[in-house]
Amino acid sequence: QAAIVNMKEDFARIQVLRNDIARNLVAHKPLDFNLI
């Protein structure tokens, strides 16, 4: 059960990070290589 909770948290965080990267690319913002 603890492993399942950790997996859900990790997956949700990966989705948030991916959406941040995709939002910056779609908005044609200059690339911040350090942030990426």
PDB file of all heavy atoms in Angstrom:
ATOM      1  N   GLN A   1       0.832  -1.207   0.000  1.00  0.00           N
ATOM      2  CA  GLN A   1       0.000   0.000   0.000  1.00  0.00           C
ATOM      3  C   GLN A   1       0.871   1.264   0.000  1.00  0.00           C
ATOM      4  O   GLN A   1       0.561   2.237  -0.696  1.00  0.00           O
ATOM      5  CB  GLN A   1      -0.936   0.006   1.224  1.00  0.00           C
ATOM      6  CG  GLN A   1      -1.994  -1.072   1.185  1.00  0.00           C
ATOM      7  CD  GLN A   1      -2.906  -0.942  -0.019  1.00  0.00           C
ATOM      8  OE1 GLN A   1      -3.227   0.141  -0.463  1.00  0.00           O
ATOM      9  NE2 GLN A   1      -3.314  -2.084  -0.559  1.00  0.00           N
ATOM     10  N   ALA A   2       1.966   1.251   0.767  1.00  0.00           N
ATOM     11  CA  ALA A   2       2.870   2.407   0.784  1.00  0.00           C
ATOM     12  C   ALA A   2       3.524   2.590  -0.585  1.00  0.00           C
ATOM     13  O   ALA A   2       3.677   3.728  -1.062  1.00  0.00           O
ATOM     14  CB  ALA A   2       3.939   2.220   1.854  1.00  0.00           C
ATOM     15  N   ALA A   3       3.895   1.501  -1.243  1.00  0.00           N
ATOM     16  CA  ALA A   3       4.492   1.591  -2.569  1.00  0.00           C
ATOM     17  C   ALA A   3       3.501   2.159  -3.582  1.00  0.00           C
ATOM     18  O   ALA A   3       3.866   2.960  -4.453  1.00  0.00           O
ATOM     19  CB  ALA A   3       4.982   0.218  -3.019  1.00  0.00           C
ATOM     20  N   ILE A   4       2.245   1.780  -3.474  1.00  0.00           N
ATOM     21  CA  ILE A   4       1.212   2.293  -4.389  1.00  0.00           C
ATOM     22  C   ILE A   4       1.049   3.800  -4.204  1.00  0.00           C
ATOM     23  O   ILE A   4       0.943   4.552  -5.184  1.00  0.00           O
ATOM     24  CB  ILE A   4      -0.116   1.540  -4.181  1.00  0.00           C
ATOM     25  CG1 ILE A   4       0.005   0.112  -4.702  1.00  0.00           C
ATOM     26  CG2 ILE A   4      -1.270   2.259  -4.854  1.00  0.00           C
ATOM     27  CD1 ILE A   4      -1.176  -0.774  -4.380  1.00  0.00           C
ATOM     28  N   VAL A   5       1.031   4.247  -2.950  1.00  0.00           N
ATOM     29  CA  VAL A   5       0.896   5.687  -2.678  1.00  0.00           C
ATOM     30  C   VAL A   5       2.089   6.442  -3.281  1.00  0.00           C
ATOM     31  O   VAL A   5       1.918   7.483  -3.939  1.00  0.00           O
ATOM     32  CB  VAL A   5       0.781   5.938  -1.156  1.00  0.00           C
ATOM     33  CG1 VAL A   5       0.940   7.404  -0.831  1.00  0.00           C
ATOM     34  CG2 VAL A   5      -0.543   5.411  -0.643  1.00  0.00           C
ATOM     35  N   ASN A   6       3.301   5.910  -3.082  1.00  0.00           N
ATOM     36  CA  ASN A   6       4.497   6.559  -3.636  1.00  0.00           C
ATOM     37  C   ASN A   6       4.467   6.591  -5.161  1.00  0.00           C
ATOM     38  O   ASN A   6       4.858   7.584  -5.779  1.00  0.00           O
ATOM     39  CB  ASN A   6       5.766   5.858  -3.153  1.00  0.00           C
ATOM     40  CG  ASN A   6       6.045   6.112  -1.688  1.00  0.00           C
ATOM     41  OD1 ASN A   6       5.563   7.089  -1.131  1.00  0.00           O
ATOM     42  ND2 ASN A   6       6.795   5.220  -1.069  1.00  0.00           N
ATOM     43  N   MET A   7       4.009   5.508  -5.769  1.00  0.00           N
ATOM     44  CA  MET A   7       3.926   5.465  -7.233  1.00  0.00           C
ATOM     45  C   MET A   7       2.959   6.524  -7.757  1.00  0.00           C
ATOM     46  O   MET A   7       3.238   7.203  -8.751  1.00  0.00           O
ATOM     47  CB  MET A   7       3.483   4.072  -7.711  1.00  0.00           C
ATOM     48  CG  MET A   7       4.552   3.018  -7.617  1.00  0.00           C
ATOM     49  SD  MET A   7       3.962   1.392  -8.094  1.00  0.00           S
ATOM     50  CE  MET A   7       3.623   1.627  -9.808  1.00  0.00           C
ATOM     51  N   LYS A   8       1.822   6.673  -7.090  1.00  0.00           N
ATOM     52  CA  LYS A   8       0.837   7.673  -7.528  1.00  0.00           C
ATOM     53  C   LYS A   8       1.409   9.082  -7.418  1.00  0.00           C
ATOM     54  O   LYS A   8       1.214   9.915  -8.309  1.00  0.00           O
ATOM     55  CB  LYS A   8      -0.445   7.542  -6.701  1.00  0.00           C
ATOM     56  CG  LYS A   8      -1.266   6.327  -7.051  1.00  0.00           C
ATOM     57  CD  LYS A   8      -2.536   6.262  -6.223  1.00  0.00           C
ATOM     58  CE  LYS A   8      -3.363   5.047  -6.588  1.00  0.00           C
ATOM     59  NZ  LYS A   8      -4.605   4.968  -5.808  1.00  0.00           N
ATOM     60  N   GLU A   9       2.123   9.350  -6.310  1.00  0.00           N
ATOM     61  CA  GLU A   9       2.740  10.673  -6.141  1.00  0.00           C
ATOM     62  C   GLU A   9       3.795  10.933  -7.213  1.00  0.00           C
ATOM     63  O   GLU A   9       3.851  12.024  -7.793  1.00  0.00           O
ATOM     64  CB  GLU A   9       3.375  10.786  -4.753  1.00  0.00           C
ATOM     65  CG  GLU A   9       2.381  10.864  -3.623  1.00  0.00           C
ATOM     66  CD  GLU A   9       3.039  10.802  -2.263  1.00  0.00           C
ATOM     67  OE1 GLU A   9       4.293  10.704  -2.180  1.00  0.00           O
ATOM     68  OE2 GLU A   9       2.312  10.853  -1.257  1.00  0.00           O
ATOM     69  N   ASP A  10       4.646   9.934  -7.466  1.00  0.00           N
ATOM     70  CA  ASP A  10       5.682  10.091  -8.495  1.00  0.00           C
ATOM     71  C   ASP A  10       5.060  10.328  -9.868  1.00  0.00           C
ATOM     72  O   ASP A  10       5.506  11.194 -10.633  1.00  0.00           O
ATOM     73  CB  ASP A  10       6.587   8.856  -8.542  1.00  0.00           C
ATOM     74  CG  ASP A  10       7.539   8.776  -7.360  1.00  0.00           C
ATOM     75  OD1 ASP A  10       7.734   9.814  -6.686  1.00  0.00           O
ATOM     76  OD2 ASP A  10       8.095   7.687  -7.122  1.00  0.00           O
ATOM     77  N   PHE A  11       4.033   9.554 -10.200  1.00  0.00           N
ATOM     78  CA  PHE A  11       3.404   9.701 -11.509  1.00  0.00           C
ATOM     79  C   PHE A  11       2.760  11.073 -11.657  1.00  0.00           C
ATOM     80  O   PHE A  11       2.884  11.721 -12.716  1.00  0.00           O
ATOM     81  CB  PHE A  11       2.362   8.593 -11.701  1.00  0.00           C
ATOM     82  CG  PHE A  11       1.791   8.546 -13.083  1.00  0.00           C
ATOM     83  CD1 PHE A  11       2.550   8.078 -14.146  1.00  0.00           C
ATOM     84  CD2 PHE A  11       0.501   8.977 -13.328  1.00  0.00           C
ATOM     85  CE1 PHE A  11       2.026   8.042 -15.427  1.00  0.00           C
ATOM     86  CE2 PHE A  11      -0.026   8.951 -14.605  1.00  0.00           C
ATOM     87  CZ  PHE A  11       0.742   8.471 -15.656  1.00  0.00           C
ATOM     88  N   ALA A  12       2.083  11.537 -10.616  1.00  0.00           N
ATOM     89  CA  ALA A  12       1.450  12.862 -10.678  1.00  0.00           C
ATOM     90  C   ALA A  12       2.509  13.957 -10.847  1.00  0.00           C
ATOM     91  O   ALA A  12       2.328  14.896 -11.638  1.00  0.00           O
ATOM     92  CB  ALA A  12       0.626  13.110  -9.421  1.00  0.00           C
ATOM     93  N   ARG A  13       3.632  13.850 -10.134  1.00  0.00           N
ATOM     94  CA  ARG A  13       4.698  14.858 -10.242  1.00  0.00           C
ATOM     95  C   ARG A  13       5.330  14.838 -11.638  1.00  0.00           C
ATOM     96  O   ARG A  13       5.633  15.904 -12.203  1.00  0.00           O
ATOM     97  CB  ARG A  13       5.759  14.616  -9.166  1.00  0.00           C
ATOM     98  CG  ARG A  13       6.873  15.614  -9.163  1.00  0.00           C
ATOM     99  CD  ARG A  13       6.365  17.000  -8.825  1.00  0.00           C
ATOM    100  NE  ARG A  13       7.485  17.932  -8.898  1.00  0.00           N
ATOM    101  CZ  ARG A  13       7.388  19.203  -9.178  1.00  0.00           C
ATOM    102  NH1 ARG A  13       6.201  19.758  -9.364  1.00  0.00           N
ATOM    103  NH2 ARG A  13       8.452  19.971  -9.240  1.00  0.00           N
ATOM    104  N   ILE A  14       5.508  13.641 -12.209  1.00  0.00           N
ATOM    105  CA  ILE A  14       6.047  13.544 -13.578  1.00  0.00           C
ATOM    106  C   ILE A  14       5.104  14.234 -14.555  1.00  0.00           C
ATOM    107  O   ILE A  14       5.545  14.960 -15.462  1.00  0.00           O
ATOM    108  CB  ILE A  14       6.282  12.063 -13.974  1.00  0.00           C
ATOM    109  CG1 ILE A  14       7.466  11.493 -13.182  1.00  0.00           C
ATOM    110  CG2 ILE A  14       6.531  11.921 -15.475  1.00  0.00           C
ATOM    111  CD1 ILE A  14       7.627  10.004 -13.324  1.00  0.00           C
ATOM    112  N   GLN A  15       3.804  14.051 -14.395  1.00  0.00           N
ATOM    113  CA  GLN A  15       2.838  14.712 -15.274  1.00  0.00           C
ATOM    114  C   GLN A  15       2.919  16.237 -15.138  1.00  0.00           C
ATOM    115  O   GLN A  15       2.854  16.959 -16.141  1.00  0.00           O
ATOM    116  CB  GLN A  15       1.423  14.230 -14.967  1.00  0.00           C
ATOM    117  CG  GLN A  15       1.146  12.818 -15.447  1.00  0.00           C
ATOM    118  CD  GLN A  15      -0.253  12.373 -15.078  1.00  0.00           C
ATOM    119  OE1 GLN A  15      -0.758  12.706 -14.005  1.00  0.00           O
ATOM    120  NE2 GLN A  15      -0.876  11.610 -15.963  1.00  0.00           N
ATOM    121  N   VAL A  16       3.049  16.736 -13.913  1.00  0.00           N
ATOM    122  CA  VAL A  16       3.139  18.177 -13.698  1.00  0.00           C
ATOM    123  C   VAL A  16       4.392  18.737 -14.374  1.00  0.00           C
ATOM    124  O   VAL A  16       4.344  19.771 -15.072  1.00  0.00           O
ATOM    125  CB  VAL A  16       3.129  18.502 -12.182  1.00  0.00           C
ATOM    126  CG1 VAL A  16       3.519  19.948 -11.928  1.00  0.00           C
ATOM    127  CG2 VAL A  16       1.758  18.206 -11.586  1.00  0.00           C
ATOM    128  N   LEU A  17       5.529  18.066 -14.193  1.00  0.00           N
ATOM    129  CA  LEU A  17       6.784  18.534 -14.806  1.00  0.00           C
ATOM    130  C   LEU A  17       6.691  18.504 -16.331  1.00  0.00           C
ATOM    131  O   LEU A  17       7.142  19.436 -17.017  1.00  0.00           O
ATOM    132  CB  LEU A  17       7.963  17.685 -14.321  1.00  0.00           C
ATOM    133  CG  LEU A  17       8.331  17.848 -12.848  1.00  0.00           C
ATOM    134  CD1 LEU A  17       9.347  16.793 -12.432  1.00  0.00           C
ATOM    135  CD2 LEU A  17       8.875  19.246 -12.586  1.00  0.00           C
ATOM    136  N   ARG A  18       6.127  17.445 -16.861  1.00  0.00           N
ATOM    137  CA  ARG A  18       5.988  17.350 -18.324  1.00  0.00           C
ATOM    138  C   ARG A  18       5.088  18.456 -18.855  1.00  0.00           C
ATOM    139  O   ARG A  18       5.359  19.075 -19.883  1.00  0.00           O
ATOM    140  CB  ARG A  18       5.401  15.981 -18.688  1.00  0.00           C
ATOM    141  CG  ARG A  18       5.269  15.768 -20.186  1.00  0.00           C
ATOM    142  CD  ARG A  18       4.080  14.849 -20.450  1.00  0.00           C
ATOM    143  NE  ARG A  18       3.659  14.931 -21.807  1.00  0.00           N
ATOM    144  CZ  ARG A  18       2.761  15.780 -22.280  1.00  0.00           C
ATOM    145  NH1 ARG A  18       2.193  16.659 -21.513  1.00  0.00           N
ATOM    146  NH2 ARG A  18       2.423  15.777 -23.563  1.00  0.00           N
ATOM    147  N   ASN A  19       3.987  18.740 -18.150  1.00  0.00           N
ATOM    148  CA  ASN A  19       3.081  19.809 -18.576  1.00  0.00           C
ATOM    149  C   ASN A  19       3.764  21.174 -18.521  1.00  0.00           C
ATOM    150  O   ASN A  19       3.523  22.019 -19.396  1.00  0.00           O
ATOM    151  CB  ASN A  19       1.816  19.811 -17.724  1.00  0.00           C
ATOM    152  CG  ASN A  19       0.929  18.612 -18.015  1.00  0.00           C
ATOM    153  OD1 ASN A  19       1.060  17.961 -19.049  1.00  0.00           O
ATOM    154  ND2 ASN A  19       0.031  18.312 -17.090  1.00  0.00           N
ATOM    155  N   ASP A  20       4.618  21.425 -17.515  1.00  0.00           N
ATOM    156  CA  ASP A  20       5.362  22.692 -17.437  1.00  0.00           C
ATOM    157  C   ASP A  20       6.281  22.859 -18.643  1.00  0.00           C
ATOM    158  O   ASP A  20       6.327  23.931 -19.273  1.00  0.00           O
ATOM    159  CB  ASP A  20       6.195  22.756 -16.150  1.00  0.00           C
ATOM    160  CG  ASP A  20       5.344  23.007 -14.925  1.00  0.00           C
ATOM    161  OD1 ASP A  20       4.175  23.428 -15.088  1.00  0.00           O
ATOM    162  OD2 ASP A  20       5.858  22.780 -13.811  1.00  0.00           O
ATOM    163  N   ILE A  21       6.986  21.786 -18.989  1.00  0.00           N
ATOM    164  CA  ILE A  21       7.889  21.846 -20.146  1.00  0.00           C
ATOM    165  C   ILE A  21       7.085  22.076 -21.420  1.00  0.00           C
ATOM    166  O   ILE A  21       7.442  22.921 -22.261  1.00  0.00           O
ATOM    167  CB  ILE A  21       8.739  20.554 -20.243  1.00  0.00           C
ATOM    168  CG1 ILE A  21       9.697  20.453 -19.047  1.00  0.00           C
ATOM    169  CG2 ILE A  21       9.513  20.507 -21.545  1.00  0.00           C
ATOM    170  CD1 ILE A  21      10.408  19.114 -18.938  1.00  0.00           C
ATOM    171  N   ALA A  22       5.973  21.344 -21.578  1.00  0.00           N
ATOM    172  CA  ALA A  22       5.162  21.479 -22.791  1.00  0.00           C
ATOM    173  C   ALA A  22       4.534  22.872 -22.864  1.00  0.00           C
ATOM    174  O   ALA A  22       4.468  23.470 -23.951  1.00  0.00           O
ATOM    175  CB  ALA A  22       4.077  20.404 -22.805  1.00  0.00           C
ATOM    176  N   ARG A  23       4.080  23.438 -21.752  1.00  0.00           N
ATOM    177  CA  ARG A  23       3.482  24.769 -21.745  1.00  0.00           C
ATOM    178  C   ARG A  23       4.494  25.828 -22.201  1.00  0.00           C
ATOM    179  O   ARG A  23       4.167  26.734 -22.966  1.00  0.00           O
ATOM    180  CB  ARG A  23       2.981  25.104 -20.336  1.00  0.00           C
ATOM    181  CG  ARG A  23       1.551  25.585 -20.328  1.00  0.00           C
ATOM    182  CD  ARG A  23       1.015  25.905 -18.943  1.00  0.00           C
ATOM    183  NE  ARG A  23       0.526  24.694 -18.288  1.00  0.00           N
ATOM    184  CZ  ARG A  23       1.040  24.157 -17.192  1.00  0.00           C
ATOM    185  NH1 ARG A  23       2.040  24.717 -16.571  1.00  0.00           N
ATOM    186  NH2 ARG A  23       0.535  23.064 -16.695  1.00  0.00           N
ATOM    187  N   ASN A  24       5.726  25.715 -21.719  1.00  0.00           N
ATOM    188  CA  ASN A  24       6.771  26.667 -22.123  1.00  0.00           C
ATOM    189  C   ASN A  24       7.087  26.546 -23.604  1.00  0.00           C
ATOM    190  O   ASN A  24       7.342  27.554 -24.270  1.00  0.00           O
ATOM    191  CB  ASN A  24       8.040  26.468 -21.285  1.00  0.00           C
ATOM    192  CG  ASN A  24       7.869  26.947 -19.857  1.00  0.00           C
ATOM    193  OD1 ASN A  24       6.998  27.770 -19.579  1.00  0.00           O
ATOM    194  ND2 ASN A  24       8.684  26.425 -18.964  1.00  0.00           N
ATOM    195  N   LEU A  25       7.059  25.332 -24.134  1.00  0.00           N
ATOM    196  CA  LEU A  25       7.342  25.154 -25.561  1.00  0.00           C
ATOM    197  C   LEU A  25       6.200  25.702 -26.423  1.00  0.00           C
ATOM    198  O   LEU A  25       6.432  26.326 -27.455  1.00  0.00           O
ATOM    199  CB  LEU A  25       7.581  23.678 -25.877  1.00  0.00           C
ATOM    200  CG  LEU A  25       8.890  23.085 -25.347  1.00  0.00           C
ATOM    201  CD1 LEU A  25       8.929  21.582 -25.619  1.00  0.00           C
ATOM    202  CD2 LEU A  25      10.087  23.771 -25.989  1.00  0.00           C
ATOM    203  N   VAL A  26       4.963  25.443 -26.010  1.00  0.00           N
ATOM    204  CA  VAL A  26       3.804  25.907 -26.781  1.00  0.00           C
ATOM    205  C   VAL A  26       3.707  27.435 -26.739  1.00  0.00           C
ATOM    206  O   VAL A  26       3.314  28.064 -27.716  1.00  0.00           O
ATOM    207  CB  VAL A  26       2.517  25.238 -26.248  1.00  0.00           C
ATOM    208  CG1 VAL A  26       1.274  25.869 -26.848  1.00  0.00           C
ATOM    209  CG2 VAL A  26       2.537  23.743 -26.535  1.00  0.00           C
ATOM    210  N   ALA A  27       4.095  28.033 -25.623  1.00  0.00           N
ATOM    211  CA  ALA A  27       4.012  29.491 -25.464  1.00  0.00           C
ATOM    212  C   ALA A  27       5.165  30.199 -26.183  1.00  0.00           C
ATOM    213  O   ALA A  27       5.220  31.426 -26.188  1.00  0.00           O
ATOM    214  CB  ALA A  27       4.020  29.862 -23.995  1.00  0.00           C
ATOM    215  N   HIS A  28       6.053  29.462 -26.809  1.00  0.00           N
ATOM    216  CA  HIS A  28       7.217  30.005 -27.533  1.00  0.00           C
ATOM    217  C   HIS A  28       8.072  30.892 -26.642  1.00  0.00           C
ATOM    218  O   HIS A  28       8.605  31.915 -27.071  1.00  0.00           O
ATOM    219  CB  HIS A  28       6.775  30.767 -28.793  1.00  0.00           C
ATOM    220  CG  HIS A  28       6.070  29.883 -29.778  1.00  0.00           C
ATOM    221  ND1 HIS A  28       6.692  28.878 -30.463  1.00  0.00           N
ATOM    222  CD2 HIS A  28       4.770  29.864 -30.186  1.00  0.00           C
ATOM    223  CE1 HIS A  28       5.826  28.268 -31.250  1.00  0.00           C
ATOM    224  NE2 HIS A  28       4.625  28.866 -31.108  1.00  0.00           N
ATOM    225  N   LYS A  29       8.187  30.503 -25.380  1.00  0.00           N
ATOM    226  CA  LYS A  29       9.066  31.224 -24.472  1.00  0.00           C
ATOM    227  C   LYS A  29      10.497  30.815 -24.785  1.00  0.00           C
ATOM    228  O   LYS A  29      10.746  29.718 -25.279  1.00  0.00           O
ATOM    229  CB  LYS A  29       8.747  30.878 -23.016  1.00  0.00           C
ATOM    230  CG  LYS A  29       7.412  31.423 -22.523  1.00  0.00           C
ATOM    231  CD  LYS A  29       7.256  31.114 -21.044  1.00  0.00           C
ATOM    232  CE  LYS A  29       5.949  31.690 -20.531  1.00  0.00           C
ATOM    233  NZ  LYS A  29       5.727  31.372 -19.123  1.00  0.00           N
ATOM    234  N   PRO A  30      11.440  31.675 -24.467  1.00  0.00           N
ATOM    235  CA  PRO A  30      12.829  31.268 -24.681  1.00  0.00           C
ATOM    236  C   PRO A  30      13.170  30.097 -23.746  1.00  0.00           C
ATOM    237  O   PRO A  30      12.709  30.025 -22.612  1.00  0.00           O
ATOM    238  CB  PRO A  30      13.643  32.512 -24.336  1.00  0.00           C
ATOM    239  CG  PRO A  30      12.718  33.436 -23.653  1.00  0.00           C
ATOM    240  CD  PRO A  30      11.324  33.024 -23.967  1.00  0.00           C
ATOM    241  N   LEU A  31      13.971  29.171 -24.251  1.00  0.00           N
ATOM    242  CA  LEU A  31      14.303  27.969 -23.495  1.00  0.00           C
ATOM    243  C   LEU A  31      15.244  28.304 -22.336  1.00  0.00           C
ATOM    244  O   LEU A  31      16.271  28.957 -22.524  1.00  0.00           O
ATOM    245  CB  LEU A  31      14.964  26.935 -24.402  1.00  0.00           C
ATOM    246  CG  LEU A  31      14.078  26.355 -25.503  1.00  0.00           C
ATOM    247  CD1 LEU A  31      14.875  25.407 -26.380  1.00  0.00           C
ATOM    248  CD2 LEU A  31      12.884  25.650 -24.925  1.00  0.00           C
ATOM    249  N   ASP A  32      14.865  27.855 -21.161  1.00  0.00           N
ATOM    250  CA  ASP A  32      15.715  27.989 -19.971  1.00  0.00           C
ATOM    251  C   ASP A  32      16.336  26.605 -19.746  1.00  0.00           C
ATOM    252  O   ASP A  32      15.722  25.732 -19.136  1.00  0.00           O
ATOM    253  CB  ASP A  32      14.879  28.442 -18.778  1.00  0.00           C
ATOM    254  CG  ASP A  32      15.717  28.675 -17.538  1.00  0.00           C
ATOM    255  OD1 ASP A  32      16.962  28.504 -17.606  1.00  0.00           O
ATOM    256  OD2 ASP A  32      15.132  29.004 -16.490  1.00  0.00           O
ATOM    257  N   PHE A  33      17.548  26.445 -20.290  1.00  0.00           N
ATOM    258  CA  PHE A  33      18.171  25.123 -20.249  1.00  0.00           C
ATOM    259  C   PHE A  33      18.460  24.651 -18.821  1.00  0.00           C
ATOM    260  O   PHE A  33      18.425  23.455 -18.549  1.00  0.00           O
ATOM    261  CB  PHE A  33      19.451  25.127 -21.092  1.00  0.00           C
ATOM    262  CG  PHE A  33      19.171  25.257 -22.550  1.00  0.00           C
ATOM    263  CD1 PHE A  33      19.445  26.437 -23.213  1.00  0.00           C
ATOM    264  CD2 PHE A  33      18.616  24.211 -23.264  1.00  0.00           C
ATOM    265  CE1 PHE A  33      19.171  26.568 -24.554  1.00  0.00           C
ATOM    266  CE2 PHE A  33      18.346  24.336 -24.603  1.00  0.00           C
ATOM    267  CZ  PHE A  33      18.618  25.514 -25.262  1.00  0.00           C
ATOM    268  N   ASN A  34      18.728  25.567 -17.943  1.00  0.00           N
ATOM    269  CA  ASN A  34      18.967  25.184 -16.557  1.00  0.00           C
ATOM    270  C   ASN A  34      17.694  24.607 -15.941  1.00  0.00           C
ATOM    271  O   ASN A  34      17.715  23.562 -15.283  1.00  0.00           O
ATOM    272  CB  ASN A  34      19.457  26.398 -15.756  1.00  0.00           C
ATOM    273  CG  ASN A  34      19.967  25.996 -14.392  1.00  0.00           C
ATOM    274  OD1 ASN A  34      20.365  24.852 -14.190  1.00  0.00           O
ATOM    275  ND2 ASN A  34      19.962  26.942 -13.461  1.00  0.00           N
ATOM    276  N   LEU A  35      16.531  25.253 -16.165  1.00  0.00           N
ATOM    277  CA  LEU A  35      15.258  24.764 -15.648  1.00  0.00           C
ATOM    278  C   LEU A  35      14.894  23.420 -16.278  1.00  0.00           C
ATOM    279  O   LEU A  35      14.464  22.492 -15.595  1.00  0.00           O
ATOM    280  CB  LEU A  35      14.145  25.790 -15.912  1.00  0.00           C
ATOM    281  CG  LEU A  35      12.736  25.378 -15.487  1.00  0.00           C
ATOM    282  CD1 LEU A  35      12.669  25.206 -13.974  1.00  0.00           C
ATOM    283  CD2 LEU A  35      11.717  26.379 -15.974  1.00  0.00           C
ATOM    284  N   ILE A  36      15.086  23.295 -17.587  1.00  0.00           N
ATOM    285  CA  ILE A  36      14.784  22.043 -18.282  1.00  0.00           C
ATOM    286  C   ILE A  36      15.666  20.919 -17.746  1.00  0.00           C
ATOM    287  O   ILE A  36      15.211  19.782 -17.551  1.00  0.00           O
ATOM    288  CB  ILE A  36      14.942  22.211 -19.809  1.00  0.00           C
ATOM    289  CG1 ILE A  36      13.860  23.143 -20.340  1.00  0.00           C
ATOM    290  CG2 ILE A  36      14.875  20.855 -20.509  1.00  0.00           C
ATOM    291  CD1 ILE A  36      14.028  23.503 -21.803  1.00  0.00           C
TER     292      ILE A  36
END
